[in-house]
C-alpha cells in the first residue's frame, strides 16, 4: 500500500477508534436518556466499572450530562469527539477536506446538544454526521490499505465495547473474523500472543474468557 509512517498509522488507527467510540457511546446514552425520562433506575456505576472509568458522578442525570459533554473528563464523549476531530485535521490531506467537514459538523452538533435540555435530536445529528464521514472517507481514500488501518481501529473499539458491556455476545466471533480479515490488509505491527488467542477463538472455535479476549483485543496492535 506504499510507505505509511508509524505516526500516520497511529493517527489513522485512532481516527477509526474514536469515530466508533463516539458513535457507539452516543447510541447507548441516547437510550439511557429515554430510560431516565421513563423514571427507570440507570446503573451508571456498573457502566463506569465496566468501562474502567472513575465514578465521579452524583446521580444518573449528572452521569448522562457530564459523561457526554464534559470535555475536562478524559473519558467523556466530548473529549473523544475532540480527539477524533484533531486526528482528522492532521490527516486532512489524506482524508480530504470534505470528509473532514463531516467531523466538524459532528463536533458542532455535539456543542448544540450540550446546550439543550433535551439533546436527543442533536445527538442524532452527531450519529448522522459520523455515518456521512464514513461514507465520504471510503470515497476519498484511494489506498485500500490506508482505509483498512482506520477500519481496523474501528473494529478494535467496537469489540472492546462489546466485551466490556456484554453487548451482542453472539456476534463476537463474527466481529473478530472481520477484524482478522482487515488486519492482514494493513501493515500494522501486532502482538503475536494476542493474535494467537484471537485467531484460536475466531477461526478455530476455542472458548476463551471475555476478560482474556478484551486484554488481547486491546493489546493486539503496537500503535
N, C-alpha and C. Protein backbone atom coordinates (compact mmCIF):
# COMPACT_ATOMS: atom_id res chain seq x y z
N UNK A 1 0.82 -1.21 0.00
CA UNK A 1 0.00 0.00 0.00
C UNK A 1 0.86 1.26 0.00
N UNK A 2 2.17 1.09 -0.15
CA UNK A 2 3.05 2.23 -0.10
C UNK A 2 3.45 2.54 1.32
N UNK A 3 4.48 3.35 1.47
CA UNK A 3 5.01 3.65 2.79
C UNK A 3 4.04 4.54 3.57
N UNK A 4 3.66 4.08 4.74
CA UNK A 4 2.86 4.86 5.68
C UNK A 4 3.66 4.95 6.96
N UNK A 5 4.02 6.16 7.36
CA UNK A 5 4.86 6.33 8.55
C UNK A 5 4.13 5.81 9.79
N UNK A 6 4.90 5.47 10.82
CA UNK A 6 4.31 5.00 12.07
C UNK A 6 3.38 6.04 12.67
N UNK A 7 3.78 7.31 12.57
CA UNK A 7 2.95 8.39 13.10
C UNK A 7 1.60 8.44 12.38
N UNK A 8 1.64 8.29 11.05
CA UNK A 8 0.40 8.33 10.28
C UNK A 8 -0.45 7.09 10.56
N UNK A 9 0.19 5.93 10.68
CA UNK A 9 -0.53 4.72 11.06
C UNK A 9 -1.29 4.93 12.36
N UNK A 10 -0.60 5.52 13.34
CA UNK A 10 -1.22 5.78 14.64
C UNK A 10 -2.42 6.70 14.49
N UNK A 11 -2.27 7.78 13.72
CA UNK A 11 -3.37 8.72 13.53
C UNK A 11 -4.57 8.06 12.86
N UNK A 12 -4.30 7.26 11.81
CA UNK A 12 -5.38 6.59 11.09
C UNK A 12 -6.09 5.57 11.98
N UNK A 13 -5.31 4.82 12.74
CA UNK A 13 -5.87 3.81 13.64
C UNK A 13 -6.79 4.45 14.66
N UNK A 14 -6.33 5.53 15.30
CA UNK A 14 -7.13 6.18 16.33
C UNK A 14 -8.27 7.00 15.74
N UNK A 15 -8.15 7.42 14.50
CA UNK A 15 -9.30 8.03 13.83
C UNK A 15 -10.46 7.04 13.82
N UNK A 16 -10.16 5.78 13.49
CA UNK A 16 -11.20 4.76 13.50
C UNK A 16 -11.72 4.45 14.87
N UNK A 17 -10.82 4.37 15.86
CA UNK A 17 -11.25 4.05 17.23
C UNK A 17 -12.14 5.15 17.79
N UNK A 18 -11.72 6.40 17.63
CA UNK A 18 -12.52 7.49 18.20
C UNK A 18 -13.87 7.63 17.49
N UNK A 19 -13.90 7.42 16.17
CA UNK A 19 -15.18 7.52 15.46
C UNK A 19 -16.15 6.46 15.97
N UNK A 20 -15.66 5.23 16.16
CA UNK A 20 -16.52 4.16 16.66
C UNK A 20 -16.90 4.41 18.11
N UNK A 21 -15.99 4.92 18.91
CA UNK A 21 -16.28 5.20 20.32
C UNK A 21 -17.38 6.23 20.46
N UNK A 22 -17.26 7.32 19.72
CA UNK A 22 -18.29 8.36 19.80
C UNK A 22 -19.62 7.79 19.32
N UNK A 23 -19.61 7.09 18.20
CA UNK A 23 -20.86 6.59 17.61
C UNK A 23 -21.57 5.63 18.56
N UNK A 24 -20.85 4.60 19.05
CA UNK A 24 -21.49 3.59 19.89
C UNK A 24 -21.90 4.14 21.26
N UNK A 25 -21.09 5.04 21.82
CA UNK A 25 -21.41 5.58 23.13
C UNK A 25 -22.59 6.53 23.06
N UNK A 26 -22.65 7.35 22.02
CA UNK A 26 -23.81 8.23 21.85
C UNK A 26 -25.08 7.40 21.69
N UNK A 27 -25.01 6.33 20.89
CA UNK A 27 -26.18 5.45 20.75
C UNK A 27 -26.65 4.94 22.11
N UNK A 28 -25.71 4.45 22.90
CA UNK A 28 -26.06 3.90 24.22
C UNK A 28 -26.65 4.97 25.12
N UNK A 29 -26.05 6.15 25.16
CA UNK A 29 -26.50 7.18 26.08
C UNK A 29 -27.82 7.80 25.64
N UNK A 30 -28.11 7.77 24.34
CA UNK A 30 -29.44 8.21 23.90
C UNK A 30 -30.51 7.28 24.47
N UNK A 31 -30.23 5.98 24.51
CA UNK A 31 -31.16 5.04 25.13
C UNK A 31 -31.28 5.30 26.63
N UNK A 32 -30.15 5.66 27.25
CA UNK A 32 -30.16 5.95 28.68
C UNK A 32 -31.01 7.18 28.99
N UNK A 33 -30.94 8.19 28.12
CA UNK A 33 -31.80 9.36 28.30
C UNK A 33 -33.28 8.95 28.29
N UNK A 34 -33.62 8.06 27.35
CA UNK A 34 -35.01 7.58 27.30
C UNK A 34 -35.38 6.88 28.61
N UNK A 35 -34.45 6.11 29.15
CA UNK A 35 -34.70 5.42 30.42
C UNK A 35 -34.92 6.41 31.54
N UNK A 36 -34.10 7.47 31.57
CA UNK A 36 -34.27 8.50 32.60
C UNK A 36 -35.63 9.18 32.50
N UNK A 37 -36.05 9.46 31.27
CA UNK A 37 -37.35 10.09 31.06
C UNK A 37 -38.49 9.21 31.53
N UNK A 38 -38.26 7.89 31.48
CA UNK A 38 -39.27 6.94 31.95
C UNK A 38 -39.17 6.69 33.45
N UNK A 39 -38.26 7.43 34.13
CA UNK A 39 -38.06 7.33 35.58
C UNK A 39 -37.62 5.93 36.01
N UNK A 40 -36.83 5.27 35.17
CA UNK A 40 -36.29 3.96 35.49
C UNK A 40 -34.86 4.12 35.97
N UNK A 41 -34.47 3.33 36.96
CA UNK A 41 -33.13 3.43 37.53
C UNK A 41 -32.07 3.10 36.47
N UNK A 42 -31.03 3.91 36.40
CA UNK A 42 -29.92 3.69 35.48
C UNK A 42 -28.69 3.32 36.31
N UNK A 43 -28.12 2.15 36.06
CA UNK A 43 -26.97 1.69 36.84
C UNK A 43 -25.68 2.24 36.22
N UNK A 44 -25.49 3.55 36.40
CA UNK A 44 -24.32 4.18 35.81
C UNK A 44 -23.03 3.75 36.50
N UNK A 45 -23.12 3.36 37.77
CA UNK A 45 -21.93 2.89 38.49
C UNK A 45 -21.39 1.62 37.86
N UNK A 46 -22.28 0.73 37.45
CA UNK A 46 -21.86 -0.50 36.78
C UNK A 46 -21.23 -0.18 35.43
N UNK A 47 -21.78 0.79 34.72
CA UNK A 47 -21.21 1.20 33.44
C UNK A 47 -19.79 1.72 33.64
N UNK A 48 -19.60 2.57 34.63
CA UNK A 48 -18.27 3.11 34.91
C UNK A 48 -17.28 1.98 35.24
N UNK A 49 -17.74 1.03 36.04
CA UNK A 49 -16.87 -0.10 36.40
C UNK A 49 -16.46 -0.89 35.16
N UNK A 50 -17.40 -1.18 34.31
CA UNK A 50 -17.12 -1.96 33.11
C UNK A 50 -16.17 -1.22 32.17
N UNK A 51 -16.31 0.10 32.11
CA UNK A 51 -15.51 0.90 31.19
C UNK A 51 -14.18 1.32 31.80
N UNK A 52 -13.97 1.03 33.09
CA UNK A 52 -12.74 1.43 33.74
C UNK A 52 -12.65 2.92 33.95
N UNK A 53 -13.81 3.55 34.17
CA UNK A 53 -13.90 5.00 34.35
C UNK A 53 -14.18 5.31 35.81
N UNK A 54 -13.48 6.28 36.36
CA UNK A 54 -13.74 6.68 37.75
C UNK A 54 -15.15 7.24 37.87
N UNK A 55 -15.88 6.75 38.85
CA UNK A 55 -17.25 7.22 39.07
C UNK A 55 -17.23 8.50 39.90
N UNK A 56 -17.29 9.63 39.21
CA UNK A 56 -17.25 10.93 39.89
C UNK A 56 -18.61 11.62 39.81
N UNK A 57 -19.66 10.85 39.52
CA UNK A 57 -20.97 11.43 39.23
C UNK A 57 -21.90 11.31 40.43
N UNK A 58 -22.74 12.32 40.62
CA UNK A 58 -23.61 12.37 41.80
C UNK A 58 -24.88 11.56 41.63
N UNK A 59 -25.35 11.43 40.39
CA UNK A 59 -26.55 10.65 40.11
C UNK A 59 -26.59 10.34 38.62
N UNK A 60 -27.65 9.65 38.19
CA UNK A 60 -27.73 9.22 36.79
C UNK A 60 -27.81 10.40 35.83
N UNK A 61 -28.55 11.44 36.24
CA UNK A 61 -28.64 12.61 35.37
C UNK A 61 -27.31 13.30 35.21
N UNK A 62 -26.57 13.42 36.31
CA UNK A 62 -25.24 14.02 36.27
C UNK A 62 -24.31 13.19 35.38
N UNK A 63 -24.42 11.87 35.50
CA UNK A 63 -23.63 10.99 34.65
C UNK A 63 -23.92 11.22 33.17
N UNK A 64 -25.19 11.25 32.80
CA UNK A 64 -25.55 11.41 31.39
C UNK A 64 -25.02 12.73 30.83
N UNK A 65 -25.18 13.82 31.57
CA UNK A 65 -24.73 15.12 31.06
C UNK A 65 -23.21 15.20 30.99
N UNK A 66 -22.56 14.84 32.10
CA UNK A 66 -21.11 15.05 32.15
C UNK A 66 -20.35 14.01 31.33
N UNK A 67 -20.81 12.77 31.33
CA UNK A 67 -20.12 11.75 30.53
C UNK A 67 -20.25 12.06 29.04
N UNK A 68 -21.34 12.68 28.67
CA UNK A 68 -21.49 13.12 27.28
C UNK A 68 -20.68 14.38 26.97
N UNK A 69 -20.81 15.41 27.81
CA UNK A 69 -20.44 16.75 27.38
C UNK A 69 -19.28 17.40 28.12
N UNK A 70 -18.78 16.83 29.20
CA UNK A 70 -17.73 17.47 29.99
C UNK A 70 -16.37 17.13 29.40
N UNK A 71 -15.83 18.02 28.58
CA UNK A 71 -14.56 17.77 27.90
C UNK A 71 -13.38 17.69 28.87
N UNK A 72 -13.55 18.20 30.11
CA UNK A 72 -12.47 18.12 31.08
C UNK A 72 -12.29 16.71 31.61
N UNK A 73 -13.30 15.87 31.40
CA UNK A 73 -13.20 14.47 31.79
C UNK A 73 -12.61 13.68 30.61
N UNK A 74 -11.46 13.04 30.77
CA UNK A 74 -10.77 12.44 29.61
C UNK A 74 -11.54 11.30 28.96
N UNK A 75 -12.48 10.68 29.69
CA UNK A 75 -13.24 9.57 29.11
C UNK A 75 -14.60 10.00 28.57
N UNK A 76 -14.89 11.29 28.58
CA UNK A 76 -16.20 11.74 28.11
C UNK A 76 -16.30 11.62 26.60
N UNK A 77 -17.53 11.57 26.12
CA UNK A 77 -17.75 11.52 24.68
C UNK A 77 -17.24 12.80 24.02
N UNK A 78 -17.41 13.93 24.70
CA UNK A 78 -16.93 15.20 24.13
C UNK A 78 -15.42 15.17 23.95
N UNK A 79 -14.69 14.62 24.92
CA UNK A 79 -13.24 14.52 24.79
C UNK A 79 -12.86 13.61 23.62
N UNK A 80 -13.60 12.52 23.44
CA UNK A 80 -13.34 11.63 22.30
C UNK A 80 -13.67 12.32 20.99
N UNK A 81 -14.74 13.12 20.97
CA UNK A 81 -15.09 13.86 19.76
C UNK A 81 -14.00 14.86 19.39
N UNK A 82 -13.43 15.54 20.38
CA UNK A 82 -12.36 16.49 20.12
C UNK A 82 -11.11 15.77 19.61
N UNK A 83 -10.81 14.58 20.17
CA UNK A 83 -9.66 13.81 19.69
C UNK A 83 -9.89 13.32 18.27
N UNK A 84 -11.13 12.92 17.97
CA UNK A 84 -11.47 12.50 16.61
C UNK A 84 -11.26 13.63 15.62
N UNK A 85 -11.77 14.80 15.94
CA UNK A 85 -11.60 15.95 15.05
C UNK A 85 -10.13 16.33 14.93
N UNK A 86 -9.38 16.27 16.03
CA UNK A 86 -7.97 16.60 15.99
C UNK A 86 -7.19 15.68 15.07
N UNK A 87 -7.46 14.37 15.13
CA UNK A 87 -6.81 13.44 14.22
C UNK A 87 -7.20 13.72 12.78
N UNK A 88 -8.48 14.03 12.57
CA UNK A 88 -8.93 14.34 11.22
C UNK A 88 -8.25 15.55 10.64
N UNK A 89 -8.02 16.58 11.48
CA UNK A 89 -7.35 17.78 10.99
C UNK A 89 -5.92 17.49 10.54
N UNK A 90 -5.21 16.68 11.33
CA UNK A 90 -3.84 16.32 10.96
C UNK A 90 -3.82 15.50 9.67
N UNK A 91 -4.87 14.70 9.44
CA UNK A 91 -4.94 13.82 8.28
C UNK A 91 -5.71 14.43 7.12
N UNK A 92 -5.92 15.75 7.15
CA UNK A 92 -6.76 16.41 6.14
C UNK A 92 -6.34 16.03 4.71
N UNK A 93 -5.04 16.04 4.42
CA UNK A 93 -4.59 15.76 3.05
C UNK A 93 -4.87 14.32 2.64
N UNK A 94 -4.95 13.42 3.61
CA UNK A 94 -5.24 12.02 3.32
C UNK A 94 -6.73 11.76 3.17
N UNK A 95 -7.53 12.34 4.07
CA UNK A 95 -8.96 12.01 4.07
C UNK A 95 -9.79 13.01 3.27
N UNK A 96 -9.24 14.13 2.90
CA UNK A 96 -9.86 15.19 2.10
C UNK A 96 -10.60 16.19 2.99
N UNK A 97 -10.66 17.42 2.52
CA UNK A 97 -11.36 18.48 3.26
C UNK A 97 -12.86 18.22 3.41
N UNK A 98 -13.56 17.75 2.34
CA UNK A 98 -15.00 17.46 2.52
C UNK A 98 -15.26 16.38 3.58
N UNK A 99 -14.37 15.38 3.66
CA UNK A 99 -14.54 14.34 4.68
C UNK A 99 -14.33 14.93 6.07
N UNK A 100 -13.31 15.76 6.21
CA UNK A 100 -13.06 16.42 7.48
C UNK A 100 -14.25 17.28 7.91
N UNK A 101 -14.93 17.86 6.93
CA UNK A 101 -16.06 18.75 7.25
C UNK A 101 -17.15 18.01 8.01
N UNK A 102 -17.34 16.73 7.72
CA UNK A 102 -18.36 15.96 8.45
C UNK A 102 -17.99 15.81 9.93
N UNK A 103 -16.69 15.70 10.23
CA UNK A 103 -16.28 15.64 11.63
C UNK A 103 -16.52 16.98 12.31
N UNK A 104 -16.28 18.07 11.60
CA UNK A 104 -16.56 19.39 12.17
C UNK A 104 -18.05 19.56 12.43
N UNK A 105 -18.87 19.04 11.51
CA UNK A 105 -20.31 19.10 11.69
C UNK A 105 -20.74 18.28 12.91
N UNK A 106 -20.11 17.11 13.10
CA UNK A 106 -20.42 16.29 14.28
C UNK A 106 -20.05 17.02 15.57
N UNK A 107 -18.90 17.69 15.55
CA UNK A 107 -18.47 18.48 16.71
C UNK A 107 -19.46 19.62 16.99
N UNK A 108 -19.92 20.29 15.92
CA UNK A 108 -20.89 21.37 16.08
C UNK A 108 -22.20 20.84 16.66
N UNK A 109 -22.63 19.67 16.19
CA UNK A 109 -23.86 19.07 16.71
C UNK A 109 -23.70 18.70 18.18
N UNK A 110 -22.52 18.22 18.56
CA UNK A 110 -22.25 17.90 19.96
C UNK A 110 -22.33 19.16 20.82
N UNK A 111 -21.81 20.27 20.31
CA UNK A 111 -21.88 21.54 21.03
C UNK A 111 -23.33 21.98 21.21
N UNK A 112 -24.14 21.85 20.16
CA UNK A 112 -25.55 22.22 20.28
C UNK A 112 -26.27 21.31 21.27
N UNK A 113 -25.92 20.03 21.26
CA UNK A 113 -26.54 19.09 22.20
C UNK A 113 -26.22 19.46 23.64
N UNK A 114 -25.00 19.91 23.88
CA UNK A 114 -24.58 20.26 25.24
C UNK A 114 -25.35 21.45 25.79
N UNK A 115 -25.94 22.25 24.90
CA UNK A 115 -26.69 23.44 25.32
C UNK A 115 -28.19 23.18 25.39
N UNK A 116 -28.59 21.94 25.08
CA UNK A 116 -30.01 21.61 25.02
C UNK A 116 -30.45 20.85 26.27
N UNK A 117 -31.66 21.12 26.72
CA UNK A 117 -32.23 20.38 27.85
C UNK A 117 -32.70 18.99 27.43
N UNK A 118 -32.99 18.83 26.14
CA UNK A 118 -33.44 17.54 25.60
C UNK A 118 -32.63 17.28 24.32
N UNK A 119 -31.40 16.76 24.47
CA UNK A 119 -30.44 16.77 23.36
C UNK A 119 -30.54 15.60 22.38
N UNK A 120 -31.62 14.83 22.43
CA UNK A 120 -31.67 13.61 21.60
C UNK A 120 -31.60 13.94 20.12
N UNK A 121 -32.28 14.99 19.67
CA UNK A 121 -32.26 15.33 18.25
C UNK A 121 -30.85 15.71 17.81
N UNK A 122 -30.19 16.56 18.59
CA UNK A 122 -28.83 16.98 18.23
C UNK A 122 -27.85 15.79 18.28
N UNK A 123 -28.05 14.88 19.22
CA UNK A 123 -27.20 13.69 19.29
C UNK A 123 -27.41 12.80 18.07
N UNK A 124 -28.63 12.75 17.57
CA UNK A 124 -28.87 12.00 16.34
C UNK A 124 -28.11 12.63 15.18
N UNK A 125 -28.00 13.95 15.18
CA UNK A 125 -27.20 14.61 14.14
C UNK A 125 -25.73 14.19 14.25
N UNK A 126 -25.23 14.02 15.47
CA UNK A 126 -23.86 13.54 15.64
C UNK A 126 -23.70 12.18 14.96
N UNK A 127 -24.64 11.27 15.22
CA UNK A 127 -24.58 9.95 14.59
C UNK A 127 -24.65 10.05 13.07
N UNK A 128 -25.55 10.89 12.57
CA UNK A 128 -25.70 11.04 11.12
C UNK A 128 -24.42 11.58 10.49
N UNK A 129 -23.79 12.54 11.15
CA UNK A 129 -22.57 13.14 10.60
C UNK A 129 -21.42 12.13 10.59
N UNK A 130 -21.34 11.29 11.61
CA UNK A 130 -20.29 10.27 11.63
C UNK A 130 -20.53 9.24 10.54
N UNK A 131 -21.77 8.87 10.30
CA UNK A 131 -22.07 7.96 9.20
C UNK A 131 -21.70 8.59 7.87
N UNK A 132 -21.98 9.88 7.71
CA UNK A 132 -21.59 10.58 6.48
C UNK A 132 -20.07 10.65 6.35
N UNK A 133 -19.39 10.86 7.46
CA UNK A 133 -17.92 10.84 7.45
C UNK A 133 -17.40 9.50 6.94
N UNK A 134 -17.98 8.41 7.41
CA UNK A 134 -17.52 7.08 6.98
C UNK A 134 -17.70 6.90 5.48
N UNK A 135 -18.85 7.31 4.97
CA UNK A 135 -19.08 7.18 3.54
C UNK A 135 -18.13 8.03 2.72
N UNK A 136 -17.92 9.27 3.16
CA UNK A 136 -17.01 10.17 2.46
C UNK A 136 -15.57 9.66 2.54
N UNK A 137 -15.19 9.12 3.69
CA UNK A 137 -13.85 8.55 3.88
C UNK A 137 -13.59 7.43 2.87
N UNK A 138 -14.56 6.54 2.71
CA UNK A 138 -14.39 5.43 1.77
C UNK A 138 -14.17 5.93 0.34
N UNK A 139 -14.87 7.01 -0.01
CA UNK A 139 -14.73 7.53 -1.36
C UNK A 139 -13.48 8.37 -1.57
N UNK A 140 -12.99 9.00 -0.51
CA UNK A 140 -11.87 9.93 -0.65
C UNK A 140 -10.51 9.27 -0.57
N UNK A 141 -10.40 8.15 0.16
CA UNK A 141 -9.11 7.49 0.37
C UNK A 141 -8.97 6.35 -0.63
N UNK A 142 -8.06 6.51 -1.57
CA UNK A 142 -7.92 5.54 -2.66
C UNK A 142 -7.25 4.25 -2.22
N UNK A 143 -6.28 4.34 -1.32
CA UNK A 143 -5.50 3.16 -0.95
C UNK A 143 -6.28 2.27 0.01
N UNK A 144 -6.52 1.04 -0.40
CA UNK A 144 -7.28 0.12 0.44
C UNK A 144 -6.58 -0.13 1.77
N UNK A 145 -5.26 -0.25 1.74
CA UNK A 145 -4.52 -0.50 2.97
C UNK A 145 -4.69 0.63 3.97
N UNK A 146 -4.68 1.86 3.49
CA UNK A 146 -4.87 3.01 4.37
C UNK A 146 -6.28 3.01 4.95
N UNK A 147 -7.28 2.73 4.10
CA UNK A 147 -8.66 2.64 4.60
C UNK A 147 -8.78 1.57 5.67
N UNK A 148 -8.10 0.46 5.46
CA UNK A 148 -8.23 -0.66 6.40
C UNK A 148 -7.56 -0.39 7.74
N UNK A 149 -6.57 0.49 7.79
CA UNK A 149 -6.00 0.85 9.09
C UNK A 149 -7.07 1.51 9.95
N UNK A 150 -7.79 2.47 9.36
CA UNK A 150 -8.84 3.16 10.11
C UNK A 150 -9.99 2.22 10.45
N UNK A 151 -10.36 1.36 9.52
CA UNK A 151 -11.45 0.42 9.78
C UNK A 151 -11.03 -0.62 10.82
N UNK A 152 -9.75 -0.97 10.85
CA UNK A 152 -9.26 -1.87 11.89
C UNK A 152 -9.36 -1.21 13.26
N UNK A 153 -9.02 0.06 13.34
CA UNK A 153 -9.19 0.79 14.60
C UNK A 153 -10.64 0.78 15.05
N UNK A 154 -11.55 0.99 14.10
CA UNK A 154 -12.97 0.95 14.44
C UNK A 154 -13.40 -0.42 14.94
N UNK A 155 -12.86 -1.49 14.32
CA UNK A 155 -13.20 -2.85 14.73
C UNK A 155 -12.70 -3.14 16.14
N UNK A 156 -11.50 -2.67 16.47
CA UNK A 156 -10.95 -2.85 17.82
C UNK A 156 -11.84 -2.16 18.85
N UNK A 157 -12.25 -0.93 18.57
CA UNK A 157 -13.09 -0.20 19.52
C UNK A 157 -14.45 -0.88 19.67
N UNK A 158 -15.01 -1.32 18.56
CA UNK A 158 -16.31 -1.99 18.61
C UNK A 158 -16.24 -3.26 19.46
N UNK A 159 -15.20 -4.06 19.26
CA UNK A 159 -15.03 -5.28 20.05
C UNK A 159 -14.77 -4.97 21.52
N UNK A 160 -13.98 -3.94 21.79
CA UNK A 160 -13.71 -3.55 23.17
C UNK A 160 -15.00 -3.20 23.90
N UNK A 161 -15.86 -2.42 23.26
CA UNK A 161 -17.12 -2.03 23.89
C UNK A 161 -18.06 -3.22 24.04
N UNK A 162 -18.11 -4.08 23.03
CA UNK A 162 -18.96 -5.27 23.11
C UNK A 162 -18.54 -6.16 24.27
N UNK A 163 -17.23 -6.34 24.45
CA UNK A 163 -16.73 -7.20 25.52
C UNK A 163 -16.92 -6.56 26.89
N UNK A 164 -16.65 -5.27 27.00
CA UNK A 164 -16.80 -4.60 28.29
C UNK A 164 -18.25 -4.60 28.76
N UNK A 165 -19.17 -4.37 27.83
CA UNK A 165 -20.57 -4.17 28.20
C UNK A 165 -21.43 -5.41 28.02
N UNK A 166 -20.85 -6.49 27.49
CA UNK A 166 -21.63 -7.70 27.27
C UNK A 166 -22.68 -7.56 26.18
N UNK A 167 -22.41 -6.67 25.20
CA UNK A 167 -23.35 -6.45 24.12
C UNK A 167 -23.20 -7.53 23.05
N UNK A 168 -24.29 -8.08 22.58
CA UNK A 168 -24.35 -8.99 21.44
C UNK A 168 -23.23 -10.04 21.45
N UNK A 169 -23.16 -10.85 22.51
CA UNK A 169 -22.08 -11.85 22.58
C UNK A 169 -22.13 -12.85 21.44
N UNK A 170 -23.31 -13.05 20.85
CA UNK A 170 -23.42 -14.00 19.75
C UNK A 170 -22.70 -13.51 18.49
N UNK A 171 -22.34 -12.24 18.44
CA UNK A 171 -21.66 -11.68 17.27
C UNK A 171 -20.15 -11.58 17.45
N UNK A 172 -19.63 -11.97 18.61
CA UNK A 172 -18.22 -11.76 18.89
C UNK A 172 -17.31 -12.45 17.87
N UNK A 173 -17.57 -13.73 17.62
CA UNK A 173 -16.70 -14.45 16.69
C UNK A 173 -16.75 -13.82 15.30
N UNK A 174 -17.93 -13.45 14.86
CA UNK A 174 -18.06 -12.83 13.54
C UNK A 174 -17.28 -11.53 13.48
N UNK A 175 -17.40 -10.70 14.52
CA UNK A 175 -16.68 -9.43 14.53
C UNK A 175 -15.17 -9.64 14.58
N UNK A 176 -14.72 -10.67 15.30
CA UNK A 176 -13.29 -10.95 15.35
C UNK A 176 -12.77 -11.49 14.02
N UNK A 177 -13.59 -12.25 13.32
CA UNK A 177 -13.21 -12.70 11.99
C UNK A 177 -13.04 -11.51 11.05
N UNK A 178 -13.94 -10.54 11.16
CA UNK A 178 -13.83 -9.32 10.35
C UNK A 178 -12.55 -8.56 10.69
N UNK A 179 -12.23 -8.50 12.00
CA UNK A 179 -11.00 -7.83 12.42
C UNK A 179 -9.78 -8.50 11.82
N UNK A 180 -9.72 -9.82 11.88
CA UNK A 180 -8.57 -10.55 11.32
C UNK A 180 -8.47 -10.32 9.82
N UNK A 181 -9.58 -10.32 9.14
CA UNK A 181 -9.57 -10.10 7.69
C UNK A 181 -9.01 -8.74 7.35
N UNK A 182 -9.32 -7.74 8.17
CA UNK A 182 -8.81 -6.39 7.89
C UNK A 182 -7.33 -6.26 8.23
N UNK A 183 -6.92 -6.83 9.37
CA UNK A 183 -5.54 -6.59 9.80
C UNK A 183 -4.53 -7.15 8.81
N UNK A 184 -4.90 -8.23 8.10
CA UNK A 184 -3.98 -8.81 7.12
C UNK A 184 -3.86 -7.93 5.87
N UNK A 185 -4.72 -6.93 5.77
CA UNK A 185 -4.65 -5.99 4.64
C UNK A 185 -3.98 -4.69 5.04
N UNK A 186 -3.38 -4.67 6.22
CA UNK A 186 -2.64 -3.50 6.69
C UNK A 186 -1.21 -3.91 6.99
N UNK A 187 -0.41 -2.93 7.34
CA UNK A 187 0.96 -3.19 7.77
C UNK A 187 1.13 -2.89 9.26
N UNK A 188 0.03 -2.95 10.00
CA UNK A 188 0.09 -2.65 11.43
C UNK A 188 0.83 -3.76 12.16
N UNK A 189 1.80 -3.41 13.01
CA UNK A 189 2.50 -4.43 13.80
C UNK A 189 1.58 -4.99 14.88
N UNK A 190 1.63 -6.30 15.09
CA UNK A 190 0.76 -6.95 16.07
C UNK A 190 1.57 -7.64 17.16
N UNK A 191 0.90 -7.89 18.28
CA UNK A 191 1.49 -8.64 19.39
C UNK A 191 1.17 -10.12 19.15
N UNK A 192 2.19 -10.97 18.91
CA UNK A 192 1.95 -12.36 18.47
C UNK A 192 1.05 -13.17 19.39
N UNK A 193 1.23 -13.07 20.71
CA UNK A 193 0.43 -13.88 21.62
C UNK A 193 -1.04 -13.47 21.57
N UNK A 194 -1.29 -12.17 21.52
CA UNK A 194 -2.67 -11.69 21.43
C UNK A 194 -3.31 -12.15 20.12
N UNK A 195 -2.55 -12.09 19.04
CA UNK A 195 -3.06 -12.53 17.74
C UNK A 195 -3.38 -14.02 17.76
N UNK A 196 -2.56 -14.80 18.43
CA UNK A 196 -2.78 -16.24 18.52
C UNK A 196 -4.09 -16.55 19.25
N UNK A 197 -4.33 -15.86 20.36
CA UNK A 197 -5.55 -16.09 21.14
C UNK A 197 -6.79 -15.71 20.33
N UNK A 198 -6.74 -14.57 19.67
CA UNK A 198 -7.89 -14.10 18.88
C UNK A 198 -8.14 -15.03 17.70
N UNK A 199 -7.08 -15.48 17.04
CA UNK A 199 -7.22 -16.39 15.91
C UNK A 199 -7.83 -17.72 16.35
N UNK A 200 -7.37 -18.24 17.49
CA UNK A 200 -7.90 -19.51 18.00
C UNK A 200 -9.39 -19.38 18.32
N UNK A 201 -9.79 -18.24 18.88
CA UNK A 201 -11.20 -18.03 19.22
C UNK A 201 -12.04 -17.83 17.97
N UNK A 202 -11.58 -16.96 17.06
CA UNK A 202 -12.38 -16.56 15.90
C UNK A 202 -12.45 -17.64 14.83
N UNK A 203 -11.35 -18.34 14.59
CA UNK A 203 -11.28 -19.26 13.45
C UNK A 203 -11.28 -20.74 13.84
N UNK A 204 -10.90 -21.03 15.07
CA UNK A 204 -10.79 -22.43 15.48
C UNK A 204 -11.82 -22.84 16.52
N UNK A 205 -12.64 -21.90 16.94
CA UNK A 205 -13.73 -22.21 17.85
C UNK A 205 -13.34 -22.42 19.29
N UNK A 206 -12.13 -22.01 19.69
CA UNK A 206 -11.72 -22.17 21.09
C UNK A 206 -12.57 -21.28 21.99
N UNK A 207 -12.89 -21.79 23.16
CA UNK A 207 -13.60 -20.99 24.15
C UNK A 207 -12.59 -20.22 24.99
N UNK A 208 -12.80 -18.92 25.14
CA UNK A 208 -11.88 -18.06 25.85
C UNK A 208 -12.67 -17.09 26.71
N UNK A 209 -12.20 -16.84 27.91
CA UNK A 209 -12.88 -15.91 28.81
C UNK A 209 -12.93 -14.52 28.19
N UNK A 210 -14.02 -13.82 28.42
CA UNK A 210 -14.17 -12.48 27.84
C UNK A 210 -13.10 -11.53 28.33
N UNK A 211 -12.68 -11.67 29.58
CA UNK A 211 -11.63 -10.80 30.11
C UNK A 211 -10.31 -11.00 29.34
N UNK A 212 -10.02 -12.24 28.97
CA UNK A 212 -8.82 -12.54 28.20
C UNK A 212 -8.95 -12.02 26.77
N UNK A 213 -10.13 -12.17 26.20
CA UNK A 213 -10.35 -11.64 24.85
C UNK A 213 -10.19 -10.12 24.84
N UNK A 214 -10.73 -9.46 25.87
CA UNK A 214 -10.59 -8.00 25.95
C UNK A 214 -9.12 -7.60 26.06
N UNK A 215 -8.37 -8.29 26.89
CA UNK A 215 -6.95 -7.98 27.03
C UNK A 215 -6.23 -8.12 25.70
N UNK A 216 -6.56 -9.16 24.94
CA UNK A 216 -5.89 -9.41 23.67
C UNK A 216 -6.33 -8.41 22.59
N UNK A 217 -7.60 -8.08 22.56
CA UNK A 217 -8.08 -7.09 21.60
C UNK A 217 -7.42 -5.74 21.85
N UNK A 218 -7.38 -5.31 23.12
CA UNK A 218 -6.78 -4.01 23.45
C UNK A 218 -5.27 -4.01 23.24
N UNK A 219 -4.63 -5.18 23.35
CA UNK A 219 -3.17 -5.23 23.21
C UNK A 219 -2.70 -5.79 21.89
N UNK A 220 -3.61 -5.95 20.93
CA UNK A 220 -3.25 -6.60 19.67
C UNK A 220 -2.28 -5.80 18.83
N UNK A 221 -2.53 -4.50 18.74
CA UNK A 221 -1.75 -3.66 17.82
C UNK A 221 -0.76 -2.79 18.59
N UNK A 222 0.42 -2.69 18.07
CA UNK A 222 1.50 -1.91 18.70
C UNK A 222 1.51 -0.50 18.11
N UNK A 223 0.40 0.23 18.33
CA UNK A 223 0.30 1.60 17.83
C UNK A 223 -0.12 2.52 18.97
